[in-house]
Amino acid sequence: MGLDDKIQNAAEKAGGKAKEAAGKATDNERLEAEGKADQTKADLKGAGEKVKDAFKE
């Protein structure tokens, strides 16, 4: 996994956490769910990158 990918995934996950927190604070279920989805997406991308790295070796 390249450094750029790690940074991008971390930023996406942090953005998701912020959206989730904003959704909870404003009682906006849609925003909260969107934040959780962004975090999951970032986690899946990270897992996919790790699998690719494992096959490169």
PDB file of N, CA and C in Angstrom:
ATOM      1  N   MET A   1       0.856  -1.167   0.000  1.00  0.00           N
ATOM      2  CA  MET A   1       0.000   0.000   0.000  1.00  0.00           C
ATOM      3  C   MET A   1       0.900   1.227   0.000  1.00  0.00           C
ATOM      4  N   GLY A   2       0.668   2.105  -0.945  1.00  0.00           N
ATOM      5  CA  GLY A   2       1.470   3.309  -1.025  1.00  0.00           C
ATOM      6  C   GLY A   2       1.083   4.314   0.038  1.00  0.00           C
ATOM      7  N   LEU A   3       2.004   5.191   0.305  1.00  0.00           N
ATOM      8  CA  LEU A   3       1.766   6.222   1.320  1.00  0.00           C
ATOM      9  C   LEU A   3       0.577   7.103   0.932  1.00  0.00           C
ATOM     10  N   ASP A   4       0.473   7.415  -0.354  1.00  0.00           N
ATOM     11  CA  ASP A   4      -0.657   8.234  -0.808  1.00  0.00           C
ATOM     12  C   ASP A   4      -1.990   7.556  -0.514  1.00  0.00           C
ATOM     13  N   ASP A   5      -2.045   6.236  -0.754  1.00  0.00           N
ATOM     14  CA  ASP A   5      -3.279   5.499  -0.494  1.00  0.00           C
ATOM     15  C   ASP A   5      -3.612   5.492   0.992  1.00  0.00           C
ATOM     16  N   LYS A   6      -2.586   5.314   1.820  1.00  0.00           N
ATOM     17  CA  LYS A   6      -2.815   5.310   3.273  1.00  0.00           C
ATOM     18  C   LYS A   6      -3.353   6.657   3.739  1.00  0.00           C
ATOM     19  N   ILE A   7      -2.767   7.720   3.229  1.00  0.00           N
ATOM     20  CA  ILE A   7      -3.197   9.069   3.615  1.00  0.00           C
ATOM     21  C   ILE A   7      -4.624   9.317   3.146  1.00  0.00           C
ATOM     22  N   GLN A   8      -4.904   8.926   1.911  1.00  0.00           N
ATOM     23  CA  GLN A   8      -6.244   9.130   1.362  1.00  0.00           C
ATOM     24  C   GLN A   8      -7.293   8.338   2.145  1.00  0.00           C
ATOM     25  N   ASN A   9      -6.973   7.091   2.485  1.00  0.00           N
ATOM     26  CA  ASN A   9      -7.908   6.270   3.258  1.00  0.00           C
ATOM     27  C   ASN A   9      -8.121   6.841   4.653  1.00  0.00           C
ATOM     28  N   ALA A  10      -7.040   7.314   5.269  1.00  0.00           N
ATOM     29  CA  ALA A  10      -7.162   7.907   6.606  1.00  0.00           C
ATOM     30  C   ALA A  10      -8.013   9.172   6.559  1.00  0.00           C
ATOM     31  N   ALA A  11      -7.828   9.968   5.513  1.00  0.00           N
ATOM     32  CA  ALA A  11      -8.619  11.195   5.376  1.00  0.00           C
ATOM     33  C   ALA A  11     -10.089  10.863   5.149  1.00  0.00           C
ATOM     34  N   GLU A  12     -10.349   9.851   4.345  1.00  0.00           N
ATOM     35  CA  GLU A  12     -11.737   9.456   4.081  1.00  0.00           C
ATOM     36  C   GLU A  12     -12.392   8.925   5.358  1.00  0.00           C
ATOM     37  N   LYS A  13     -11.629   8.154   6.129  1.00  0.00           N
ATOM     38  CA  LYS A  13     -12.170   7.619   7.377  1.00  0.00           C
ATOM     39  C   LYS A  13     -12.437   8.754   8.371  1.00  0.00           C
ATOM     40  N   ALA A  14     -11.516   9.705   8.456  1.00  0.00           N
ATOM     41  CA  ALA A  14     -11.701  10.839   9.364  1.00  0.00           C
ATOM     42  C   ALA A  14     -12.898  11.676   8.943  1.00  0.00           C
ATOM     43  N   GLY A  15     -13.064  11.866   7.644  1.00  0.00           N
ATOM     44  CA  GLY A  15     -14.224  12.601   7.151  1.00  0.00           C
ATOM     45  C   GLY A  15     -15.517  11.879   7.490  1.00  0.00           C
ATOM     46  N   GLY A  16     -15.479  10.556   7.385  1.00  0.00           N
ATOM     47  CA  GLY A  16     -16.654   9.750   7.740  1.00  0.00           C
ATOM     48  C   GLY A  16     -17.001   9.880   9.204  1.00  0.00           C
ATOM     49  N   LYS A  17     -15.969   9.887  10.055  1.00  0.00           N
ATOM     50  CA  LYS A  17     -16.212  10.046  11.495  1.00  0.00           C
ATOM     51  C   LYS A  17     -16.813  11.417  11.792  1.00  0.00           C
ATOM     52  N   ALA A  18     -16.320  12.433  11.078  1.00  0.00           N
ATOM     53  CA  ALA A  18     -16.845  13.781  11.278  1.00  0.00           C
ATOM     54  C   ALA A  18     -18.309  13.862  10.839  1.00  0.00           C
ATOM     55  N   LYS A  19     -18.616  13.251   9.703  1.00  0.00           N
ATOM     56  CA  LYS A  19     -20.008  13.240   9.224  1.00  0.00           C
ATOM     57  C   LYS A  19     -20.906  12.511  10.213  1.00  0.00           C
ATOM     58  N   GLU A  20     -20.422  11.378  10.708  1.00  0.00           N
ATOM     59  CA  GLU A  20     -21.213  10.603  11.664  1.00  0.00           C
ATOM     60  C   GLU A  20     -21.476  11.423  12.922  1.00  0.00           C
ATOM     61  N   ALA A  21     -20.450  12.090  13.421  1.00  0.00           N
ATOM     62  CA  ALA A  21     -20.603  12.903  14.627  1.00  0.00           C
ATOM     63  C   ALA A  21     -21.559  14.068  14.382  1.00  0.00           C
ATOM     64  N   ALA A  22     -21.447  14.699  13.216  1.00  0.00           N
ATOM     65  CA  ALA A  22     -22.346  15.808  12.888  1.00  0.00           C
ATOM     66  C   ALA A  22     -23.783  15.308  12.783  1.00  0.00           C
ATOM     67  N   GLY A  23     -23.946  14.137  12.202  1.00  0.00           N
ATOM     68  CA  GLY A  23     -25.285  13.556  12.093  1.00  0.00           C
ATOM     69  C   GLY A  23     -25.893  13.270  13.448  1.00  0.00           C
ATOM     70  N   LYS A  24     -25.066  12.744  14.357  1.00  0.00           N
ATOM     71  CA  LYS A  24     -25.562  12.473  15.713  1.00  0.00           C
ATOM     72  C   LYS A  24     -25.916  13.772  16.425  1.00  0.00           C
ATOM     73  N   ALA A  25     -25.057  14.776  16.266  1.00  0.00           N
ATOM     74  CA  ALA A  25     -25.263  16.042  16.963  1.00  0.00           C
ATOM     75  C   ALA A  25     -26.520  16.762  16.475  1.00  0.00           C
ATOM     76  N   THR A  26     -26.820  16.628  15.195  1.00  0.00           N
ATOM     77  CA  THR A  26     -27.973  17.327  14.627  1.00  0.00           C
ATOM     78  C   THR A  26     -29.188  16.428  14.486  1.00  0.00           C
ATOM     79  N   ASP A  27     -29.061  15.203  14.957  1.00  0.00           N
ATOM     80  CA  ASP A  27     -30.138  14.212  14.861  1.00  0.00           C
ATOM     81  C   ASP A  27     -30.535  13.960  13.403  1.00  0.00           C
ATOM     82  N   ASN A  28     -29.503  13.947  12.539  1.00  0.00           N
ATOM     83  CA  ASN A  28     -29.702  13.716  11.112  1.00  0.00           C
ATOM     84  C   ASN A  28     -29.250  12.292  10.800  1.00  0.00           C
ATOM     85  N   GLU A  29     -30.202  11.381  10.719  1.00  0.00           N
ATOM     86  CA  GLU A  29     -29.880   9.970  10.523  1.00  0.00           C
ATOM     87  C   GLU A  29     -29.191   9.714   9.181  1.00  0.00           C
ATOM     88  N   ARG A  30     -29.584  10.458   8.155  1.00  0.00           N
ATOM     89  CA  ARG A  30     -28.998  10.270   6.831  1.00  0.00           C
ATOM     90  C   ARG A  30     -27.514  10.628   6.839  1.00  0.00           C
ATOM     91  N   LEU A  31     -27.163  11.739   7.462  1.00  0.00           N
ATOM     92  CA  LEU A  31     -25.773  12.177   7.534  1.00  0.00           C
ATOM     93  C   LEU A  31     -24.950  11.195   8.376  1.00  0.00           C
ATOM     94  N   GLU A  32     -25.530  10.720   9.448  1.00  0.00           N
ATOM     95  CA  GLU A  32     -24.864   9.746  10.308  1.00  0.00           C
ATOM     96  C   GLU A  32     -24.580   8.452   9.531  1.00  0.00           C
ATOM     97  N   ALA A  33     -25.557   7.982   8.781  1.00  0.00           N
ATOM     98  CA  ALA A  33     -25.384   6.761   7.990  1.00  0.00           C
ATOM     99  C   ALA A  33     -24.359   6.966   6.883  1.00  0.00           C
ATOM    100  N   GLU A  34     -24.361   8.148   6.291  1.00  0.00           N
ATOM    101  CA  GLU A  34     -23.392   8.465   5.239  1.00  0.00           C
ATOM    102  C   GLU A  34     -21.970   8.433   5.813  1.00  0.00           C
ATOM    103  N   GLY A  35     -21.811   8.947   7.016  1.00  0.00           N
ATOM    104  CA  GLY A  35     -20.503   8.935   7.674  1.00  0.00           C
ATOM    105  C   GLY A  35     -20.035   7.521   7.956  1.00  0.00           C
ATOM    106  N   LYS A  36     -20.941   6.680   8.422  1.00  0.00           N
ATOM    107  CA  LYS A  36     -20.586   5.281   8.674  1.00  0.00           C
ATOM    108  C   LYS A  36     -20.208   4.584   7.372  1.00  0.00           C
ATOM    109  N   ALA A  37     -20.935   4.891   6.301  1.00  0.00           N
ATOM    110  CA  ALA A  37     -20.640   4.287   4.996  1.00  0.00           C
ATOM    111  C   ALA A  37     -19.270   4.722   4.498  1.00  0.00           C
ATOM    112  N   ASP A  38     -18.919   5.986   4.692  1.00  0.00           N
ATOM    113  CA  ASP A  38     -17.601   6.478   4.279  1.00  0.00           C
ATOM    114  C   ASP A  38     -16.493   5.753   5.040  1.00  0.00           C
ATOM    115  N   GLN A  39     -16.709   5.521   6.326  1.00  0.00           N
ATOM    116  CA  GLN A  39     -15.705   4.815   7.127  1.00  0.00           C
ATOM    117  C   GLN A  39     -15.542   3.375   6.649  1.00  0.00           C
ATOM    118  N   THR A  40     -16.647   2.728   6.370  1.00  0.00           N
ATOM    119  CA  THR A  40     -16.607   1.345   5.889  1.00  0.00           C
ATOM    120  C   THR A  40     -15.901   1.272   4.547  1.00  0.00           C
ATOM    121  N   LYS A  41     -16.196   2.229   3.681  1.00  0.00           N
ATOM    122  CA  LYS A  41     -15.566   2.275   2.361  1.00  0.00           C
ATOM    123  C   LYS A  41     -14.041   2.421   2.499  1.00  0.00           C
ATOM    124  N   ALA A  42     -13.605   3.280   3.403  1.00  0.00           N
ATOM    125  CA  ALA A  42     -12.176   3.475   3.618  1.00  0.00           C
ATOM    126  C   ALA A  42     -11.538   2.198   4.170  1.00  0.00           C
ATOM    127  N   ASP A  43     -12.229   1.522   5.078  1.00  0.00           N
ATOM    128  CA  ASP A  43     -11.713   0.266   5.635  1.00  0.00           C
ATOM    129  C   ASP A  43     -11.578  -0.798   4.549  1.00  0.00           C
ATOM    130  N   LEU A  44     -12.568  -0.885   3.670  1.00  0.00           N
ATOM    131  CA  LEU A  44     -12.523  -1.874   2.596  1.00  0.00           C
ATOM    132  C   LEU A  44     -11.403  -1.573   1.602  1.00  0.00           C
ATOM    133  N   LYS A  45     -11.200  -0.306   1.305  1.00  0.00           N
ATOM    134  CA  LYS A  45     -10.101   0.069   0.404  1.00  0.00           C
ATOM    135  C   LYS A  45      -8.768  -0.324   1.013  1.00  0.00           C
ATOM    136  N   GLY A  46      -8.617  -0.075   2.313  1.00  0.00           N
ATOM    137  CA  GLY A  46      -7.377  -0.436   3.004  1.00  0.00           C
ATOM    138  C   GLY A  46      -7.142  -1.939   2.984  1.00  0.00           C
ATOM    139  N   ALA A  47      -8.194  -2.698   3.199  1.00  0.00           N
ATOM    140  CA  ALA A  47      -8.082  -4.157   3.174  1.00  0.00           C
ATOM    141  C   ALA A  47      -7.713  -4.633   1.775  1.00  0.00           C
ATOM    142  N   GLY A  48      -8.310  -4.032   0.764  1.00  0.00           N
ATOM    143  CA  GLY A  48      -7.999  -4.399  -0.616  1.00  0.00           C
ATOM    144  C   GLY A  48      -6.553  -4.110  -0.964  1.00  0.00           C
ATOM    145  N   GLU A  49      -6.044  -2.992  -0.489  1.00  0.00           N
ATOM    146  CA  GLU A  49      -4.643  -2.640  -0.735  1.00  0.00           C
ATOM    147  C   GLU A  49      -3.702  -3.634  -0.053  1.00  0.00           C
ATOM    148  N   LYS A  50      -4.067  -4.065   1.140  1.00  0.00           N
ATOM    149  CA  LYS A  50      -3.237  -5.042   1.852  1.00  0.00           C
ATOM    150  C   LYS A  50      -3.204  -6.375   1.111  1.00  0.00           C
ATOM    151  N   VAL A  51      -4.327  -6.779   0.534  1.00  0.00           N
ATOM    152  CA  VAL A  51      -4.377  -8.014  -0.230  1.00  0.00           C
ATOM    153  C   VAL A  51      -3.498  -7.892  -1.475  1.00  0.00           C
ATOM    154  N   LYS A  52      -3.586  -6.748  -2.150  1.00  0.00           N
ATOM    155  CA  LYS A  52      -2.741  -6.544  -3.331  1.00  0.00           C
ATOM    156  C   LYS A  52      -1.266  -6.602  -2.961  1.00  0.00           C
ATOM    157  N   ASP A  53      -0.911  -5.988  -1.834  1.00  0.00           N
ATOM    158  CA  ASP A  53       0.481  -5.999  -1.385  1.00  0.00           C
ATOM    159  C   ASP A  53       0.944  -7.411  -1.063  1.00  0.00           C
ATOM    160  N   ALA A  54       0.070  -8.221  -0.501  1.00  0.00           N
ATOM    161  CA  ALA A  54       0.427  -9.591  -0.142  1.00  0.00           C
ATOM    162  C   ALA A  54       0.735 -10.416  -1.396  1.00  0.00           C
ATOM    163  N   PHE A  55       0.006 -10.158  -2.471  1.00  0.00           N
ATOM    164  CA  PHE A  55       0.241 -10.903  -3.707  1.00  0.00           C
ATOM    165  C   PHE A  55       1.457 -10.403  -4.474  1.00  0.00           C
ATOM    166  N   LYS A  56       1.890  -9.185  -4.198  1.00  0.00           N
ATOM    167  CA  LYS A  56       3.083  -8.657  -4.848  1.00  0.00           C
ATOM    168  C   LYS A  56       4.345  -9.335  -4.343  1.00  0.00           C
ATOM    169  N   GLU A  57       4.312  -9.806  -3.104  1.00  0.00           N
ATOM    170  CA  GLU A  57       5.509 -10.385  -2.492  1.00  0.00           C
ATOM    171  C   GLU A  57       5.756 -11.773  -2.920  1.00  0.00           C
TER     172      GLU A  57
END
